[in-house]
Protein backbone atom coordinates (compact mmCIF):
# COMPACT_ATOMS: atom_id res chain seq x y z
CA MET A 1 155.55 129.87 149.84
CA PRO A 2 159.17 130.26 148.60
CA LEU A 3 161.28 133.01 150.10
CA GLN A 4 164.39 134.51 148.58
CA LEU A 5 167.41 136.52 149.59
CA SER A 6 169.27 138.46 146.91
CA ILE A 7 172.89 138.80 148.00
CA ARG A 8 175.37 141.52 147.06
CA ASP A 9 179.00 142.00 148.08
CA ASN A 10 179.39 145.77 148.16
CA ARG A 11 183.13 145.50 147.58
CA TYR A 12 182.69 144.16 144.06
CA ALA A 13 179.13 145.00 143.03
CA ALA A 14 178.68 147.76 140.44
CA GLY A 15 176.20 150.40 141.48
CA PHE A 16 173.25 149.30 143.57
CA GLY A 17 172.04 146.37 141.49
CA PHE A 18 171.78 142.72 142.50
CA ARG A 19 173.02 140.11 140.06
CA ALA A 20 170.50 137.36 139.36
CA HIS A 21 172.74 134.41 140.31
CA GLN A 22 173.53 135.79 143.78
CA THR A 23 170.37 134.48 145.43
CA CYS A 24 169.36 132.05 148.10
CA THR A 25 165.91 130.48 147.97
CA PHE A 26 164.22 128.58 150.79
CA GLU A 27 160.76 127.47 151.85
CA LYS A 28 161.16 126.04 155.34
CA LEU A 29 161.98 128.20 158.31
CA PRO A 30 164.03 128.90 160.30
CA VAL A 31 167.13 129.43 158.13
CA SER A 32 170.49 130.84 159.07
CA ILE A 33 172.65 133.16 156.95
CA GLY A 34 176.38 133.69 157.36
CA SER A 35 179.85 132.55 156.35
CA SER A 36 179.76 129.43 158.51
CA ALA A 37 179.47 126.07 156.79
CA ALA A 38 176.51 125.25 159.01
CA CYS A 39 174.46 128.15 157.59
CA TYR A 40 171.75 127.35 155.06
CA CYS A 41 172.65 130.46 153.00
CA GLN A 42 176.44 130.59 153.07
CA VAL A 43 178.56 133.49 151.83
CA GLU A 44 182.25 133.06 151.27
CA ASP A 45 184.01 135.65 153.39
CA ALA A 46 187.07 135.01 155.59
CA ASP A 47 186.85 138.50 157.12
CA VAL A 48 183.36 138.04 158.55
CA GLU A 49 182.98 134.76 160.39
CA GLY A 50 180.05 132.90 161.88
CA GLU A 51 176.33 133.26 161.52
CA PHE A 52 175.05 136.78 160.68
CA PHE A 53 171.35 136.35 161.41
CA SER A 54 168.46 133.91 161.08
CA ILE A 55 164.94 134.25 159.70
CA ARG A 56 161.94 132.68 161.41
CA ASP A 57 158.17 132.62 161.07
CA ASP A 58 156.19 135.39 162.70
CA GLN A 59 153.63 133.61 164.82
CA THR A 60 151.35 136.66 165.00
CA ASN A 61 151.24 137.72 161.33
CA SER A 62 151.55 135.50 158.28
CA ALA A 63 152.58 138.49 156.10
CA THR A 64 155.71 139.23 158.15
CA TYR A 65 158.75 137.35 159.35
CA THR A 66 161.13 137.62 162.28
CA LEU A 67 164.85 138.36 161.89
CA ALA A 68 167.07 137.38 164.82
CA ALA A 69 170.55 138.91 164.90
CA ASN A 70 173.41 136.74 166.17
CA GLU A 71 174.50 138.59 169.29
CA GLU A 72 177.47 136.27 169.86
CA THR A 73 179.44 138.08 167.16
CA GLU A 74 180.42 141.70 166.74
CA ASN A 75 178.68 141.91 163.37
CA THR A 76 176.01 144.59 163.64
CA VAL A 77 172.90 143.82 161.57
CA TYR A 78 171.00 146.70 159.92
CA VAL A 79 167.46 146.42 158.60
CA ASN A 80 166.55 149.30 156.31
CA HIS A 81 169.58 151.22 157.62
CA ARG A 82 168.57 150.75 161.27
CA PRO A 83 170.66 148.63 163.64
CA VAL A 84 168.98 145.57 165.09
CA SER A 85 169.46 144.27 168.60
CA GLY A 86 167.84 140.93 169.23
CA THR A 87 164.87 140.38 166.91
CA THR A 88 162.85 142.55 164.55
CA THR A 89 160.05 142.15 162.03
CA ILE A 90 160.90 142.10 158.32
CA ARG A 91 158.60 142.29 155.34
CA ASN A 92 158.76 141.68 151.64
CA GLY A 93 161.34 144.01 150.06
CA ASP A 94 163.27 144.89 153.23
CA GLU A 95 167.02 145.43 152.97
CA ILE A 96 169.40 143.76 155.44
CA ARG A 97 173.08 144.73 155.76
CA VAL A 98 175.95 143.09 157.63
CA LYS A 99 179.42 144.63 157.17
CA HIS A 100 179.94 144.87 153.41
CA TRP A 101 177.18 142.37 152.64
CA THR A 102 173.69 143.50 151.60
CA PHE A 103 170.69 141.19 151.44
CA ARG A 104 167.28 141.91 149.90
CA PHE A 105 164.44 139.85 151.34
CA PHE A 106 161.66 138.78 148.95
CA ARG A 107 158.51 136.76 149.29
CA THR A 108 158.13 135.03 145.93
CA TYR A 109 154.89 133.88 144.34
CA PRO A 110 154.68 130.81 142.11
CA LEU A 111 153.55 131.30 138.54
CA THR A 112 150.02 130.12 137.96
CA ARG A 113 148.42 129.15 134.71
CA PHE A 114 145.24 130.71 133.44
CA SER A 115 142.09 128.75 134.12
CA ARG A 116 140.43 127.04 131.20
CA LYS A 117 137.74 129.70 131.08
CA ALA A 118 140.28 132.53 131.12
CA GLY A 119 142.31 130.73 128.45
CA MET A 120 139.27 130.43 126.20
CA LEU A 121 138.45 134.09 126.71
CA SER A 122 142.02 135.02 125.83
CA VAL A 123 141.86 132.95 122.65
CA CYS A 124 138.49 134.47 121.70
CA ALA A 125 139.84 137.96 122.28
CA LYS A 126 142.87 137.28 120.09
CA VAL A 127 140.67 135.85 117.34
CA LEU A 128 138.35 138.85 117.57
CA VAL A 129 141.27 141.29 117.33
CA ALA A 130 142.61 139.37 114.32
CA LEU A 131 139.20 139.45 112.64
CA ILE A 132 138.86 143.19 113.26
CA PHE A 133 142.34 143.75 111.85
CA LEU A 134 141.58 141.67 108.75
CA GLY A 135 138.25 143.49 108.36
CA GLU A 136 139.99 146.86 108.45
CA ILE A 137 142.48 145.69 105.82
CA ALA A 138 139.69 144.35 103.60
CA PHE A 139 137.70 147.56 104.03
CA ALA A 140 140.76 149.68 103.21
CA VAL A 141 141.25 147.67 100.00
CA TYR A 142 137.55 147.29 99.10
CA LEU A 143 136.37 150.88 99.61
CA PRO A 144 138.76 152.61 97.15
CA ARG A 145 137.94 150.01 94.52
CA GLN A 146 134.22 150.51 95.02
CA LEU A 147 134.58 154.28 94.84
CA HIS A 148 136.61 153.97 91.65
CA ALA A 149 134.04 151.59 90.17
CA ALA A 150 131.20 153.94 91.16
CA LYS A 151 133.00 156.85 89.51
CA LEU A 152 133.46 154.84 86.31
CA TRP A 153 129.78 153.88 86.33
CA GLN A 154 128.76 157.50 86.79
CA GLU A 155 130.94 158.58 83.88
CA GLU A 156 129.53 155.78 81.71
CA ILE A 157 125.94 156.65 82.65
CA LEU A 158 126.56 160.35 81.92
CA GLU A 159 128.05 159.50 78.53
CA GLN A 160 125.17 157.21 77.56
CA LYS A 161 122.53 159.74 78.66
CA THR A 162 124.24 162.46 76.65
CA LEU A 163 124.42 160.27 73.52
CA MET A 164 120.76 159.28 73.85
CA LEU A 165 119.74 162.93 74.21
CA LEU A 166 121.86 163.88 71.21
CA ASP A 167 120.17 161.22 69.04
CA LYS A 168 116.73 162.39 70.18
CA LEU A 169 117.47 166.04 69.37
CA LYS A 170 118.83 165.11 65.94
CA ARG A 171 115.41 163.70 65.11
CA ARG A 172 113.39 166.46 66.76
CA SER A 173 115.35 169.34 65.21
CA ARG A 174 114.35 168.35 61.68
CA PRO A 175 111.50 170.56 60.32
CA LYS A 176 108.16 168.79 60.17
CA ASN A 177 107.48 170.22 56.70
CA SER A 178 109.34 172.24 54.12
CA ALA A 179 106.83 175.08 54.34
CA GLU A 180 107.80 175.87 57.91
CA ASP A 181 109.37 179.34 57.85
CA GLY A 182 109.46 182.56 59.83
CA LEU A 183 111.10 182.91 63.20
CA ALA A 184 110.18 179.37 64.20
CA GLY A 185 111.81 177.89 61.11
CA ALA A 186 114.93 180.05 61.49
CA GLY A 187 115.32 179.16 65.16
CA GLN A 188 114.83 175.46 64.50
CA SER A 189 117.37 175.62 61.65
CA LEU A 190 119.97 177.24 63.93
CA ILE A 191 119.43 174.61 66.61
CA GLN A 192 119.78 171.87 63.99
CA GLN A 193 123.14 173.30 62.86
CA ALA A 194 124.37 173.50 66.48
CA ILE A 195 123.37 169.88 67.07
CA LYS A 196 125.18 168.78 63.90
CA LYS A 197 128.36 170.51 65.09
CA ARG A 198 128.17 168.75 68.45
CA THR A 199 127.48 165.42 66.79
CA ALA A 200 130.62 165.83 64.68
CA PHE A 201 132.62 166.83 67.77
CA VAL A 202 131.48 163.74 69.69
CA ARG A 203 132.32 161.41 66.80
CA LYS A 204 135.82 162.82 66.59
CA ASN A 205 136.66 163.22 70.31
CA ARG A 206 134.47 160.69 72.12
CA GLU A 207 137.38 158.66 73.51
CA LYS A 208 139.20 161.76 74.75
CA MET A 209 136.30 163.65 76.32
CA SER A 210 136.47 164.23 80.07
CA THR A 211 133.61 164.01 82.54
CA GLU A 212 133.37 167.81 82.64
CA GLN A 213 133.07 167.97 78.85
CA TRP A 214 130.30 165.36 78.84
CA ALA A 215 128.46 167.28 81.57
CA ARG A 216 128.78 170.56 79.65
CA MET A 217 127.64 168.86 76.43
CA ARG A 218 124.57 167.44 78.20
CA GLN A 219 123.70 170.84 79.67
CA ASP A 220 123.85 172.43 76.18
CA LEU A 221 121.63 169.71 74.76
CA LEU A 222 119.08 170.17 77.54
CA THR A 223 118.98 173.88 76.68
CA TYR A 224 118.38 173.08 72.97
CA GLU A 225 115.67 170.64 73.96
CA GLN A 226 113.87 173.33 75.95
CA LEU A 227 114.18 175.78 73.05
CA LEU A 228 112.72 173.26 70.59
CA ARG A 229 109.86 172.59 72.96
CA ASP A 230 109.15 176.33 73.27
CA ILE A 231 109.32 176.79 69.46
CA ARG A 232 106.85 173.96 68.91
CA ARG A 233 104.50 175.51 71.47
CA GLY A 234 105.01 179.01 70.10
CA GLU A 235 106.44 180.24 73.39
CA ALA A 236 110.00 180.93 72.26
CA TRP A 237 109.39 184.67 71.89
CA GLN A 238 106.62 187.20 72.28
CA ALA A 239 104.71 188.48 69.19
CA ILE A 240 105.72 191.93 67.94
CA PRO A 241 102.78 194.35 68.40
CA GLU A 242 101.15 195.67 65.21
CA LEU A 243 102.25 199.19 64.19
CA LYS A 244 99.60 201.85 63.48
CA PRO A 245 101.32 204.75 61.64
CA ALA A 246 98.13 206.83 61.12
CA GLU A 247 97.33 206.98 64.80
CA GLY A 248 100.91 207.87 65.58
CA VAL A 249 100.98 210.83 63.13
CA LYS A 250 97.63 212.07 64.44
CA SER A 251 98.95 212.04 67.99
CA LEU A 252 102.02 214.02 66.98
CA LEU A 253 99.95 216.71 65.14
CA GLN A 254 97.66 217.08 68.13
CA THR A 255 100.61 217.61 70.43
CA ALA A 256 102.10 220.22 68.07
CA GLU A 257 98.85 222.20 67.89
CA GLU A 258 98.69 222.49 71.63
CA LYS A 259 102.08 224.25 71.74
CA THR A 260 102.26 228.06 70.80
CA LEU A 261 104.96 229.12 68.40
CA PHE A 262 105.25 232.71 69.72
CA SER A 263 104.76 234.07 73.22
CA SER A 264 102.41 237.06 73.92
CA PRO A 265 103.82 240.62 74.55
CA ALA A 266 102.80 240.43 78.19
CA GLU A 267 104.74 237.20 78.61
CA THR A 268 107.71 238.79 76.84
CA ASN A 269 107.73 241.86 79.21
CA GLU A 270 107.50 239.58 82.23
CA GLN A 271 110.56 237.74 80.97
């Protein structure tokens, strides 16, 4: 598995970042790091000579590695800000410092491709998301159009029902015979006049009438229809009771006779 050292010269580096090109990658161990030409990872520094340290496999743990400081030089090696004498264990992400040089140790992992099954699942998921997105767009476009069409159909149906009812009432409001008179004839004549006025209004303003006006017109016509039905059945009003003047006068005279015009002397003294 490839290993990597990110290298930073603290004299010139800005902040605490590591620039991408200052790296040393290796797979086989051991490797040596220093300014010597014999080192695998060489840094150019005339002030710090020789090998700084080396990295080896840890025979006891495959997840760790062994750092061996070069004790033949006076360059103190620090691992995570702690001085190292001899060897120490290092792990992925540890920081190593020698003089003004800082190294970051990484255990890299090769990029792997998705398996065929995972790739198919990824494609299916993308297609499904695209279909859902297209469905939402279609629904957002389709629903307002359907609602608008439904509203237009409702208005058209209301208009046609009102016109059909108006034509029916025009026929039903005509008297069945010329001899029809009395309250029934007068009521039917008034309803006929009202229907004629509404017929004239519809002919003149049909194209400009709103849904509310059509609804109000239909409600009026339904009321006229009920009135015509009640007139035909004789249920439009109650019959006026027959007056009996003789019985009324007799009742008044009887009441008057029961009342005394003058009070007795005894009643007067008591008052």
